[in-house]
C-alpha atoms as a PDB file:
ATOM      1  CA  MET A   1     -15.120  -3.051   3.549  1.00  0.00           C
ATOM      2  CA  ASN A   2     -11.981  -1.181   4.571  1.00  0.00           C
ATOM      3  CA  GLN A   3      -8.967  -2.280   6.538  1.00  0.00           C
ATOM      4  CA  ASN A   4      -9.260  -3.794   9.977  1.00  0.00           C
ATOM      5  CA  PRO A   5      -6.705  -4.916  12.556  1.00  0.00           C
ATOM      6  CA  LYS A   6      -4.699  -8.063  12.215  1.00  0.00           C
ATOM      7  CA  LEU A   7      -7.060 -10.265  14.203  1.00  0.00           C
ATOM      8  CA  LEU A   8      -9.930  -9.969  11.761  1.00  0.00           C
ATOM      9  CA  VAL A   9      -7.751 -10.844   8.811  1.00  0.00           C
ATOM     10  CA  LEU A  10      -6.179 -13.823  10.502  1.00  0.00           C
ATOM     11  CA  THR A  11      -9.548 -15.472  11.020  1.00  0.00           C
ATOM     12  CA  ILE A  12      -9.754 -16.287   7.339  1.00  0.00           C
ATOM     13  CA  PHE A  13     -12.472 -18.871   7.638  1.00  0.00           C
ATOM     14  CA  LEU A  14     -14.871 -16.254   8.949  1.00  0.00           C
ATOM     15  CA  PHE A  15     -14.888 -14.577   5.564  1.00  0.00           C
ATOM     16  CA  ILE A  16     -16.478 -17.658   4.032  1.00  0.00           C
ATOM     17  CA  ILE A  17     -19.188 -17.552   6.667  1.00  0.00           C
ATOM     18  CA  PHE A  18     -19.715 -13.842   6.016  1.00  0.00           C
ATOM     19  CA  LEU A  19     -20.014 -14.435   2.293  1.00  0.00           C
ATOM     20  CA  ASN A  20     -22.613 -17.100   2.821  1.00  0.00           C
ATOM     21  CA  THR A  21     -24.688 -14.753   4.969  1.00  0.00           C
ATOM     22  CA  GLY A  22     -24.728 -11.862   2.513  1.00  0.00           C
ATOM     23  CA  CYS A  23     -21.523  -9.889   3.271  1.00  0.00           C
ATOM     24  CA  LYS A  24     -20.157  -8.297   0.121  1.00  0.00           C
ATOM     25  CA  LYS A  25     -16.503  -8.792   1.054  1.00  0.00           C
ATOM     26  CA  LYS A  26     -14.515 -10.933  -1.309  1.00  0.00           C
ATOM     27  CA  ASN A  27     -12.910 -13.926   0.319  1.00  0.00           C
ATOM     28  CA  ILE A  28      -9.180 -13.709   0.995  1.00  0.00           C
ATOM     29  CA  LYS A  29      -8.391 -17.318   0.206  1.00  0.00           C
ATOM     30  CA  GLU A  30      -6.467 -19.335   2.718  1.00  0.00           C
ATOM     31  CA  GLU A  31      -4.867 -21.856   0.366  1.00  0.00           C
ATOM     32  CA  ASN A  32      -1.546 -21.330  -1.374  1.00  0.00           C
ATOM     33  CA  THR A  33      -2.701 -20.236  -4.824  1.00  0.00           C
ATOM     34  CA  THR A  34      -2.201 -17.779  -7.635  1.00  0.00           C
ATOM     35  CA  TYR A  35      -3.594 -14.407  -6.636  1.00  0.00           C
ATOM     36  CA  SER A  36      -3.426 -10.663  -7.323  1.00  0.00           C
ATOM     37  CA  PHE A  37      -3.894  -7.454  -5.388  1.00  0.00           C
ATOM     38  CA  PHE A  38      -3.748  -3.751  -6.186  1.00  0.00           C
ATOM     39  CA  VAL A  39      -1.669  -1.021  -4.545  1.00  0.00           C
ATOM     40  CA  ALA A  40      -2.730   2.618  -4.953  1.00  0.00           C
ATOM     41  CA  GLY A  41      -1.208   5.752  -3.447  1.00  0.00           C
ATOM     42  CA  HIS A  42      -2.500   9.283  -2.834  1.00  0.00           C
ATOM     43  CA  THR A  43      -6.016   8.183  -3.660  1.00  0.00           C
ATOM     44  CA  TYR A  44      -7.753  11.368  -2.544  1.00  0.00           C
ATOM     45  CA  GLY A  45      -6.421  12.636  -5.863  1.00  0.00           C
ATOM     46  CA  THR A  46      -5.877  16.229  -6.916  1.00  0.00           C
ATOM     47  CA  PRO A  47      -4.576  18.674  -4.284  1.00  0.00           C
ATOM     48  CA  GLY A  48      -7.085  21.462  -3.853  1.00  0.00           C
ATOM     49  CA  SER A  49     -10.032  19.366  -4.990  1.00  0.00           C
ATOM     50  CA  THR A  50     -13.156  19.426  -2.844  1.00  0.00           C
ATOM     51  CA  ASP A  51     -14.298  15.983  -4.027  1.00  0.00           C
ATOM     52  CA  LEU A  52     -14.973  13.387  -1.358  1.00  0.00           C
ATOM     53  CA  GLY A  53     -14.115   9.725  -1.633  1.00  0.00           C
ATOM     54  CA  LEU A  54     -11.490   8.118  -3.824  1.00  0.00           C
ATOM     55  CA  TYR A  55     -10.061   9.832  -6.900  1.00  0.00           C
ATOM     56  CA  LYS A  56     -12.649   9.638  -9.676  1.00  0.00           C
ATOM     57  CA  ASP A  57     -10.174   8.469 -12.342  1.00  0.00           C
ATOM     58  CA  PHE A  58      -9.121   5.635 -10.064  1.00  0.00           C
ATOM     59  CA  LYS A  59     -12.729   4.622  -9.459  1.00  0.00           C
ATOM     60  CA  GLU A  60     -13.203   4.372 -13.215  1.00  0.00           C
ATOM     61  CA  LYS A  61     -10.665   1.544 -13.165  1.00  0.00           C
ATOM     62  CA  PHE A  62     -12.667  -0.540 -10.683  1.00  0.00           C
ATOM     63  CA  PRO A  63     -14.123  -2.748 -13.467  1.00  0.00           C
ATOM     64  CA  TYR A  64     -10.608  -3.383 -14.763  1.00  0.00           C
ATOM     65  CA  ILE A  65      -9.399  -4.336 -11.286  1.00  0.00           C
ATOM     66  CA  LEU A  66     -12.319  -6.705 -10.845  1.00  0.00           C
ATOM     67  CA  SER A  67     -11.706  -8.266 -14.260  1.00  0.00           C
ATOM     68  CA  PHE A  68      -8.793 -10.180 -12.729  1.00  0.00           C
ATOM     69  CA  SER A  69     -10.333 -13.526 -11.792  1.00  0.00           C
ATOM     70  CA  ASN A  70      -7.739 -13.981  -9.047  1.00  0.00           C
ATOM     71  CA  MET A  71      -7.975 -10.437  -7.637  1.00  0.00           C
ATOM     72  CA  GLN A  72      -8.333 -10.795  -3.872  1.00  0.00           C
ATOM     73  CA  LEU A  73      -7.570  -7.539  -2.062  1.00  0.00           C
ATOM     74  CA  GLY A  74      -6.154  -4.032  -2.214  1.00  0.00           C
ATOM     75  CA  VAL A  75      -3.861  -1.714  -0.284  1.00  0.00           C
ATOM     76  CA  LEU A  76      -4.175   2.084  -0.222  1.00  0.00           C
ATOM     77  CA  THR A  77      -0.752   3.559   0.557  1.00  0.00           C
ATOM     78  CA  GLY A  78      -1.785   6.772   2.236  1.00  0.00           C
ATOM     79  CA  ASP A  79      -3.339  10.183   1.720  1.00  0.00           C
ATOM     80  CA  ILE A  80      -6.641   8.444   1.304  1.00  0.00           C
ATOM     81  CA  VAL A  81      -8.501  11.579   2.376  1.00  0.00           C
ATOM     82  CA  LYS A  82      -7.430  15.186   1.967  1.00  0.00           C
ATOM     83  CA  ALA A  83      -8.901  16.359   5.275  1.00  0.00           C
ATOM     84  CA  PRO A  84     -10.137  13.692   7.689  1.00  0.00           C
ATOM     85  CA  SER A  85     -13.733  13.964   8.815  1.00  0.00           C
ATOM     86  CA  ILE A  86     -16.609  11.591   9.360  1.00  0.00           C
ATOM     87  CA  GLU A  87     -18.004  12.657   5.994  1.00  0.00           C
ATOM     88  CA  SER A  88     -14.756  12.107   4.106  1.00  0.00           C
ATOM     89  CA  TRP A  89     -14.113   8.674   5.600  1.00  0.00           C
ATOM     90  CA  ASP A  90     -17.740   7.658   5.020  1.00  0.00           C
ATOM     91  CA  ALA A  91     -17.280   8.540   1.340  1.00  0.00           C
ATOM     92  CA  VAL A  92     -14.143   6.372   1.138  1.00  0.00           C
ATOM     93  CA  ASP A  93     -15.948   3.486   2.814  1.00  0.00           C
ATOM     94  CA  GLU A  94     -18.778   3.763   0.300  1.00  0.00           C
ATOM     95  CA  ASP A  95     -16.347   3.637  -2.622  1.00  0.00           C
ATOM     96  CA  ILE A  96     -14.610   0.566  -1.219  1.00  0.00           C
ATOM     97  CA  GLU A  97     -17.982  -1.042  -0.610  1.00  0.00           C
ATOM     98  CA  ASP A  98     -18.741  -0.484  -4.306  1.00  0.00           C
ATOM     99  CA  LEU A  99     -15.404  -2.068  -5.252  1.00  0.00           C
ATOM    100  CA  GLY A 100     -16.155  -5.093  -3.108  1.00  0.00           C
ATOM    101  CA  LEU A 101     -12.566  -6.013  -2.239  1.00  0.00           C
ATOM    102  CA  TYR A 102     -11.019  -6.246   1.211  1.00  0.00           C
ATOM    103  CA  THR A 103      -8.780  -3.167   1.367  1.00  0.00           C
ATOM    104  CA  PHE A 104      -6.015  -2.283   3.811  1.00  0.00           C
ATOM    105  CA  PHE A 105      -5.049   1.283   4.709  1.00  0.00           C
ATOM    106  CA  ALA A 106      -1.382   2.295   5.114  1.00  0.00           C
ATOM    107  CA  VAL A 107      -1.962   5.777   6.481  1.00  0.00           C
ATOM    108  CA  GLY A 108      -0.464   8.987   5.118  1.00  0.00           C
ATOM    109  CA  ASN A 109       0.188  12.370   6.689  1.00  0.00           C
ATOM    110  CA  HIS A 110      -3.201  13.744   5.567  1.00  0.00           C
ATOM    111  CA  ASP A 111      -5.023  10.755   7.035  1.00  0.00           C
ATOM    112  CA  MET A 112      -3.299  11.344  10.367  1.00  0.00           C
ATOM    113  CA  TYR A 113      -4.396  14.961  10.748  1.00  0.00           C
ATOM    114  CA  ASP A 114      -7.010  13.322  12.986  1.00  0.00           C
ATOM    115  CA  ARG A 115      -5.446  10.120  14.318  1.00  0.00           C
ATOM    116  CA  ASN A 116      -8.151   9.611  16.937  1.00  0.00           C
ATOM    117  CA  LEU A 117     -10.867   9.623  14.311  1.00  0.00           C
ATOM    118  CA  PHE A 118      -9.030   7.106  12.168  1.00  0.00           C
ATOM    119  CA  GLU A 119      -8.239   4.728  15.011  1.00  0.00           C
ATOM    120  CA  SER A 120     -11.791   4.916  16.343  1.00  0.00           C
ATOM    121  CA  ARG A 121     -13.058   3.737  12.953  1.00  0.00           C
ATOM    122  CA  TYR A 122     -10.361   1.358  11.749  1.00  0.00           C
ATOM    123  CA  GLY A 123      -8.145   0.399  14.658  1.00  0.00           C
ATOM    124  CA  PRO A 124      -4.336   0.174  14.758  1.00  0.00           C
ATOM    125  CA  THR A 125      -2.237   1.811  12.057  1.00  0.00           C
ATOM    126  CA  TYR A 126       0.430  -0.878  11.936  1.00  0.00           C
ATOM    127  CA  TYR A 127      -0.065  -4.644  11.905  1.00  0.00           C
ATOM    128  CA  ASP A 128       0.691  -7.762   9.890  1.00  0.00           C
ATOM    129  CA  THR A 129      -1.107 -10.753   8.410  1.00  0.00           C
ATOM    130  CA  ILE A 130      -0.312 -13.799   6.296  1.00  0.00           C
ATOM    131  CA  ILE A 131      -2.190 -14.294   3.044  1.00  0.00           C
ATOM    132  CA  ASN A 132      -1.523 -17.269   0.777  1.00  0.00           C
ATOM    133  CA  THR A 133       1.801 -17.972   2.568  1.00  0.00           C
ATOM    134  CA  ASP A 134       2.995 -14.401   1.959  1.00  0.00           C
ATOM    135  CA  LEU A 135       3.560 -11.918   4.789  1.00  0.00           C
ATOM    136  CA  PHE A 136       1.844  -8.522   4.553  1.00  0.00           C
ATOM    137  CA  ILE A 137       3.086  -5.743   6.864  1.00  0.00           C
ATOM    138  CA  ILE A 138       1.412  -2.336   7.188  1.00  0.00           C
ATOM    139  CA  LEU A 139       3.542   0.405   8.794  1.00  0.00           C
ATOM    140  CA  ASP A 140       2.848   3.936  10.025  1.00  0.00           C
ATOM    141  CA  PRO A 141       5.828   6.332   9.688  1.00  0.00           C
ATOM    142  CA  ASN A 142       3.648   9.235  10.876  1.00  0.00           C
ATOM    143  CA  ILE A 143       3.991   8.194  14.521  1.00  0.00           C
ATOM    144  CA  ASP A 144       7.614   9.343  14.814  1.00  0.00           C
ATOM    145  CA  ARG A 145       8.473  11.755  11.996  1.00  0.00           C
ATOM    146  CA  TRP A 146       9.177   9.081   9.358  1.00  0.00           C
ATOM    147  CA  ASN A 147      10.989   6.827  11.831  1.00  0.00           C
ATOM    148  CA  ILE A 148       9.869   3.283  12.550  1.00  0.00           C
ATOM    149  CA  SER A 149      10.822   3.287  16.208  1.00  0.00           C
ATOM    150  CA  GLY A 150       9.869   2.161  19.702  1.00  0.00           C
ATOM    151  CA  GLU A 151       7.007  -0.315  19.889  1.00  0.00           C
ATOM    152  CA  GLN A 152       6.489  -0.219  16.125  1.00  0.00           C
ATOM    153  CA  LEU A 153      10.125  -1.190  15.472  1.00  0.00           C
ATOM    154  CA  SER A 154       9.848  -4.000  18.008  1.00  0.00           C
ATOM    155  CA  PHE A 155       6.667  -5.178  16.298  1.00  0.00           C
ATOM    156  CA  LEU A 156       8.394  -5.133  12.906  1.00  0.00           C
ATOM    157  CA  GLU A 157      11.406  -7.086  14.135  1.00  0.00           C
ATOM    158  CA  GLN A 158       9.192  -9.676  15.790  1.00  0.00           C
ATOM    159  CA  SER A 159       6.951 -10.002  12.740  1.00  0.00           C
ATOM    160  CA  VAL A 160       9.853 -10.660  10.392  1.00  0.00           C
ATOM    161  CA  ASN A 161      11.798 -12.877  12.779  1.00  0.00           C
ATOM    162  CA  SER A 162       8.742 -14.966  13.610  1.00  0.00           C
ATOM    163  CA  ASN A 163       7.428 -15.383  10.081  1.00  0.00           C
ATOM    164  CA  SER A 164      10.222 -15.105   7.524  1.00  0.00           C
ATOM    165  CA  THR A 165      11.101 -18.809   7.503  1.00  0.00           C
ATOM    166  CA  ALA A 166       7.451 -19.849   7.226  1.00  0.00           C
ATOM    167  CA  VAL A 167       6.380 -17.528   4.395  1.00  0.00           C
ATOM    168  CA  ASP A 168       7.444 -16.933   0.807  1.00  0.00           C
ATOM    169  CA  ASN A 169       7.284 -13.257  -0.197  1.00  0.00           C
ATOM    170  CA  ILE A 170       7.155 -10.306   2.180  1.00  0.00           C
ATOM    171  CA  PHE A 171       5.137  -7.221   1.186  1.00  0.00           C
ATOM    172  CA  VAL A 172       5.595  -4.024   3.217  1.00  0.00           C
ATOM    173  CA  PHE A 173       3.390  -0.937   2.806  1.00  0.00           C
ATOM    174  CA  PHE A 174       3.782   2.638   4.028  1.00  0.00           C
ATOM    175  CA  HIS A 175       3.081   6.123   2.732  1.00  0.00           C
ATOM    176  CA  GLN A 176       6.318   8.118   2.809  1.00  0.00           C
ATOM    177  CA  LEU A 177       9.301   7.214   0.624  1.00  0.00           C
ATOM    178  CA  LEU A 178      11.424   6.165   3.568  1.00  0.00           C
ATOM    179  CA  TRP A 179      14.357   5.113   1.403  1.00  0.00           C
ATOM    180  CA  ILE A 180      15.117   8.524  -0.150  1.00  0.00           C
ATOM    181  CA  GLU A 181      17.925   9.457   2.246  1.00  0.00           C
ATOM    182  CA  ASN A 182      20.196   7.069   0.374  1.00  0.00           C
ATOM    183  CA  PRO A 183      22.260   9.157  -2.106  1.00  0.00           C
ATOM    184  CA  LYS A 184      21.143   6.818  -4.884  1.00  0.00           C
ATOM    185  CA  TYR A 185      17.655   8.282  -4.581  1.00  0.00           C
ATOM    186  CA  LYS A 186      18.625  11.945  -4.231  1.00  0.00           C
ATOM    187  CA  ASN A 187      16.774  12.866  -7.429  1.00  0.00           C
ATOM    188  CA  VAL A 188      13.536  11.104  -6.497  1.00  0.00           C
ATOM    189  CA  LYS A 189      10.881  13.721  -5.768  1.00  0.00           C
ATOM    190  CA  PRO A 190       7.996  12.797  -3.424  1.00  0.00           C
ATOM    191  CA  ASN A 191       4.849  14.867  -3.042  1.00  0.00           C
ATOM    192  CA  SER A 192       5.895  16.142   0.362  1.00  0.00           C
ATOM    193  CA  LEU A 193       8.477  15.947   3.133  1.00  0.00           C
ATOM    194  CA  GLU A 194       5.922  17.016   5.728  1.00  0.00           C
ATOM    195  CA  GLY A 195       6.790  15.828   9.218  1.00  0.00           C
ATOM    196  CA  LYS A 196      10.163  14.350   8.267  1.00  0.00           C
ATOM    197  CA  ALA A 197      12.910  14.410  10.896  1.00  0.00           C
ATOM    198  CA  ASP A 198      16.364  15.653   9.911  1.00  0.00           C
ATOM    199  CA  THR A 199      17.533  12.045   9.851  1.00  0.00           C
ATOM    200  CA  ILE A 200      15.486   8.866   9.868  1.00  0.00           C
ATOM    201  CA  ASN A 201      16.284   5.277  10.749  1.00  0.00           C
ATOM    202  CA  PHE A 202      15.217   3.436   7.611  1.00  0.00           C
ATOM    203  CA  TRP A 203      18.721   2.508   6.479  1.00  0.00           C
ATOM    204  CA  SER A 204      20.190   2.047   9.933  1.00  0.00           C
ATOM    205  CA  GLU A 205      17.437  -0.022  11.561  1.00  0.00           C
ATOM    206  CA  VAL A 206      14.602  -0.931   9.171  1.00  0.00           C
ATOM    207  CA  GLU A 207      16.285  -2.025   5.942  1.00  0.00           C
ATOM    208  CA  PRO A 208      18.758  -4.353   7.754  1.00  0.00           C
ATOM    209  CA  ILE A 209      15.804  -6.359   9.111  1.00  0.00           C
ATOM    210  CA  PHE A 210      14.985  -7.417   5.540  1.00  0.00           C
ATOM    211  CA  ASN A 211      18.270  -7.406   3.661  1.00  0.00           C
ATOM    212  CA  ASN A 212      19.623 -10.851   2.804  1.00  0.00           C
ATOM    213  CA  LEU A 213      16.571 -12.740   3.976  1.00  0.00           C
ATOM    214  CA  ASN A 214      15.794 -15.745   1.817  1.00  0.00           C
ATOM    215  CA  ASN A 215      12.482 -14.056   1.044  1.00  0.00           C
ATOM    216  CA  SER A 216      11.846 -11.627  -1.774  1.00  0.00           C
ATOM    217  CA  VAL A 217      10.822  -8.340  -0.134  1.00  0.00           C
ATOM    218  CA  PHE A 218       8.673  -5.693  -1.834  1.00  0.00           C
ATOM    219  CA  MET A 219       8.232  -2.277  -0.223  1.00  0.00           C
ATOM    220  CA  PHE A 220       5.500   0.045  -1.498  1.00  0.00           C
ATOM    221  CA  ALA A 221       5.132   3.783  -0.836  1.00  0.00           C
ATOM    222  CA  GLY A 222       2.353   6.073  -2.006  1.00  0.00           C
ATOM    223  CA  ASP A 223       3.450   9.697  -1.728  1.00  0.00           C
ATOM    224  CA  VAL A 224       4.101  10.518  -5.390  1.00  0.00           C
ATOM    225  CA  GLY A 225       2.065  11.528  -8.404  1.00  0.00           C
ATOM    226  CA  ALA A 226       0.030  14.378  -6.944  1.00  0.00           C
ATOM    227  CA  ALA A 227       1.631  17.458  -8.512  1.00  0.00           C
ATOM    228  CA  TYR A 228       3.989  18.727 -11.206  1.00  0.00           C
ATOM    229  CA  TRP A 229       6.924  18.859  -8.793  1.00  0.00           C
ATOM    230  CA  SER A 230       6.769  15.183  -7.801  1.00  0.00           C
ATOM    231  CA  ASP A 231       7.598  12.011  -9.663  1.00  0.00           C
ATOM    232  CA  ASP A 232       4.723   9.871 -10.870  1.00  0.00           C
ATOM    233  CA  PHE A 233       6.307   6.616  -9.742  1.00  0.00           C
ATOM    234  CA  MET A 234       9.659   4.968  -9.098  1.00  0.00           C
ATOM    235  CA  TYR A 235      11.127   1.479  -9.148  1.00  0.00           C
ATOM    236  CA  ASP A 236      14.387   0.033  -7.918  1.00  0.00           C
ATOM    237  CA  CYS A 237      15.664  -3.339  -6.776  1.00  0.00           C
ATOM    238  CA  TYR A 238      18.831  -4.737  -5.249  1.00  0.00           C
ATOM    239  CA  ASP A 239      19.736  -7.899  -3.354  1.00  0.00           C
ATOM    240  CA  ASN A 240      16.373  -9.322  -2.243  1.00  0.00           C
ATOM    241  CA  ILE A 241      14.554  -5.965  -1.915  1.00  0.00           C
ATOM    242  CA  THR A 242      12.374  -4.061  -4.393  1.00  0.00           C
ATOM    243  CA  PHE A 243      11.161  -0.476  -3.863  1.00  0.00           C
ATOM    244  CA  ILE A 244       8.037   0.754  -5.651  1.00  0.00           C
ATOM    245  CA  ALA A 245       6.332   4.134  -5.296  1.00  0.00           C
ATOM    246  CA  SER A 246       3.129   4.994  -7.133  1.00  0.00           C
ATOM    247  CA  GLY A 247       0.418   7.603  -6.895  1.00  0.00           C
ATOM    248  CA  MET A 248      -2.124   9.835  -8.562  1.00  0.00           C
ATOM    249  CA  GLY A 249      -3.669  13.279  -8.611  1.00  0.00           C
ATOM    250  CA  GLU A 250      -1.797  15.325 -11.206  1.00  0.00           C
ATOM    251  CA  GLY A 251      -3.530  13.849 -14.234  1.00  0.00           C
ATOM    252  CA  ILE A 252      -0.830  12.894 -16.714  1.00  0.00           C
ATOM    253  CA  GLY A 253       1.134  10.009 -15.246  1.00  0.00           C
ATOM    254  CA  ASP A 254      -1.519   8.940 -12.710  1.00  0.00           C
ATOM    255  CA  ASN A 255      -1.066   5.274 -11.925  1.00  0.00           C
ATOM    256  CA  PHE A 256      -1.444   2.357  -9.557  1.00  0.00           C
ATOM    257  CA  ILE A 257       0.088  -1.109  -9.334  1.00  0.00           C
ATOM    258  CA  ILE A 258      -1.369  -4.572  -9.750  1.00  0.00           C
ATOM    259  CA  VAL A 259       0.739  -7.247  -8.083  1.00  0.00           C
ATOM    260  CA  SER A 260       0.359 -10.855  -9.197  1.00  0.00           C
ATOM    261  CA  VAL A 261       1.809 -13.903  -7.485  1.00  0.00           C
ATOM    262  CA  ASP A 262       1.954 -17.106  -9.494  1.00  0.00           C
ATOM    263  CA  GLU A 263       1.798 -20.701  -8.318  1.00  0.00           C
ATOM    264  CA  TYR A 264       5.584 -20.757  -7.898  1.00  0.00           C
ATOM    265  CA  LYS A 265       5.445 -17.570  -5.744  1.00  0.00           C
ATOM    266  CA  ASN A 266       7.027 -15.423  -8.446  1.00  0.00           C
ATOM    267  CA  VAL A 267       5.864 -11.801  -8.261  1.00  0.00           C
ATOM    268  CA  THR A 268       5.086  -9.438 -11.137  1.00  0.00           C
ATOM    269  CA  ASN A 269       4.260  -5.747 -10.698  1.00  0.00           C
ATOM    270  CA  LYS A 270       2.127  -4.199 -13.424  1.00  0.00           C
ATOM    271  CA  LEU A 271       2.058  -0.409 -13.808  1.00  0.00           C
ATOM    272  CA  ILE A 272      -1.492   0.695 -14.635  1.00  0.00           C
ATOM    273  CA  ALA A 273      -2.049   4.125 -16.205  1.00  0.00           C
ATOM    274  CA  LEU A 274      -5.249   5.935 -15.243  1.00  0.00           C
ATOM    275  CA  GLN A 275      -5.237   8.195 -18.287  1.00  0.00           C
ATOM    276  CA  GLY A 276      -5.676   6.678 -21.743  1.00  0.00           C
ATOM    277  CA  ASP A 277      -4.542   3.142 -22.388  1.00  0.00           C
ATOM    278  CA  ILE A 278      -3.778   1.216 -19.213  1.00  0.00           C
ATOM    279  CA  ASN A 279      -0.418   0.139 -20.687  1.00  0.00           C
ATOM    280  CA  SER A 280       0.645   3.606 -21.883  1.00  0.00           C
ATOM    281  CA  LEU A 281       3.295   4.016 -19.175  1.00  0.00           C
ATOM    282  CA  GLY A 282       4.999   0.755 -20.097  1.00  0.00           C
ATOM    283  CA  ASN A 283       6.526  -1.718 -17.668  1.00  0.00           C
ATOM    284  CA  ILE A 284       7.599  -0.422 -14.285  1.00  0.00           C
ATOM    285  CA  GLU A 285      10.824  -2.424 -14.558  1.00  0.00           C
ATOM    286  CA  ASP A 286      11.759  -0.186 -17.481  1.00  0.00           C
ATOM    287  CA  TYR A 287      12.195   2.664 -15.002  1.00  0.00           C
ATOM    288  CA  VAL A 288      14.685   0.948 -12.701  1.00  0.00           C
ATOM    289  CA  LEU A 289      17.146   3.497 -11.344  1.00  0.00           C
ATOM    290  CA  PRO A 290      20.676   3.243 -12.786  1.00  0.00           C
END
């Protein structure tokens, strides 16, 4: 039920066959249509907790997620497990099996404490796929201290250059808030700076790949919301690019995002509160940075 490499996703028609033979995966529809997906960060939940699997308050929102008739998939934006082990990943797989939605993993620093274990179970940590004429890109900043470099940078450039004119929206997912070195974001507080190099290449080499494309680009990070010292979420947009960070674990302010794409390829991002009323945090656009 969890994420798999690009090849499996690209063979969309196979999902229909799987469904007809008893597989519980939901079909990722091939046709250009209205659809939704969820994005959730830091889903192991509370630091210090010994619970296995996904954060219990997030799991309580599974029925709400499934209530969307056009809900097709999900993306977990890192720190999916606190300490990687066969037992902890098995627990995550069981939770995703219960959810019943195809779910991609954009790995976090905790997940990569045992890279070999992850890759043996789930395959590559960066890849792309096209869903409903939108491009989805999963990145792994843990390979090179928050840098997207070497083969991964070449992959990213090729993915965008090859697909941007043939797709509508571009969705990019990673764990760390790679954009925070810009002075505009100096007051944004992530959960952690673990593994970060003194300088990173997001603004010099990654962001220019996307800026001024004809596509709307949405970048999602998941390393917030875990503790009192970190922000619960953030939102900002400029030119054709939107940055969104969301996460959970502290309690108050826990959240995730539901992204909806309409028939005209317009995108809305709904901020979902885990505590109390789902709308209690308001609209994420209300929090745009000045």
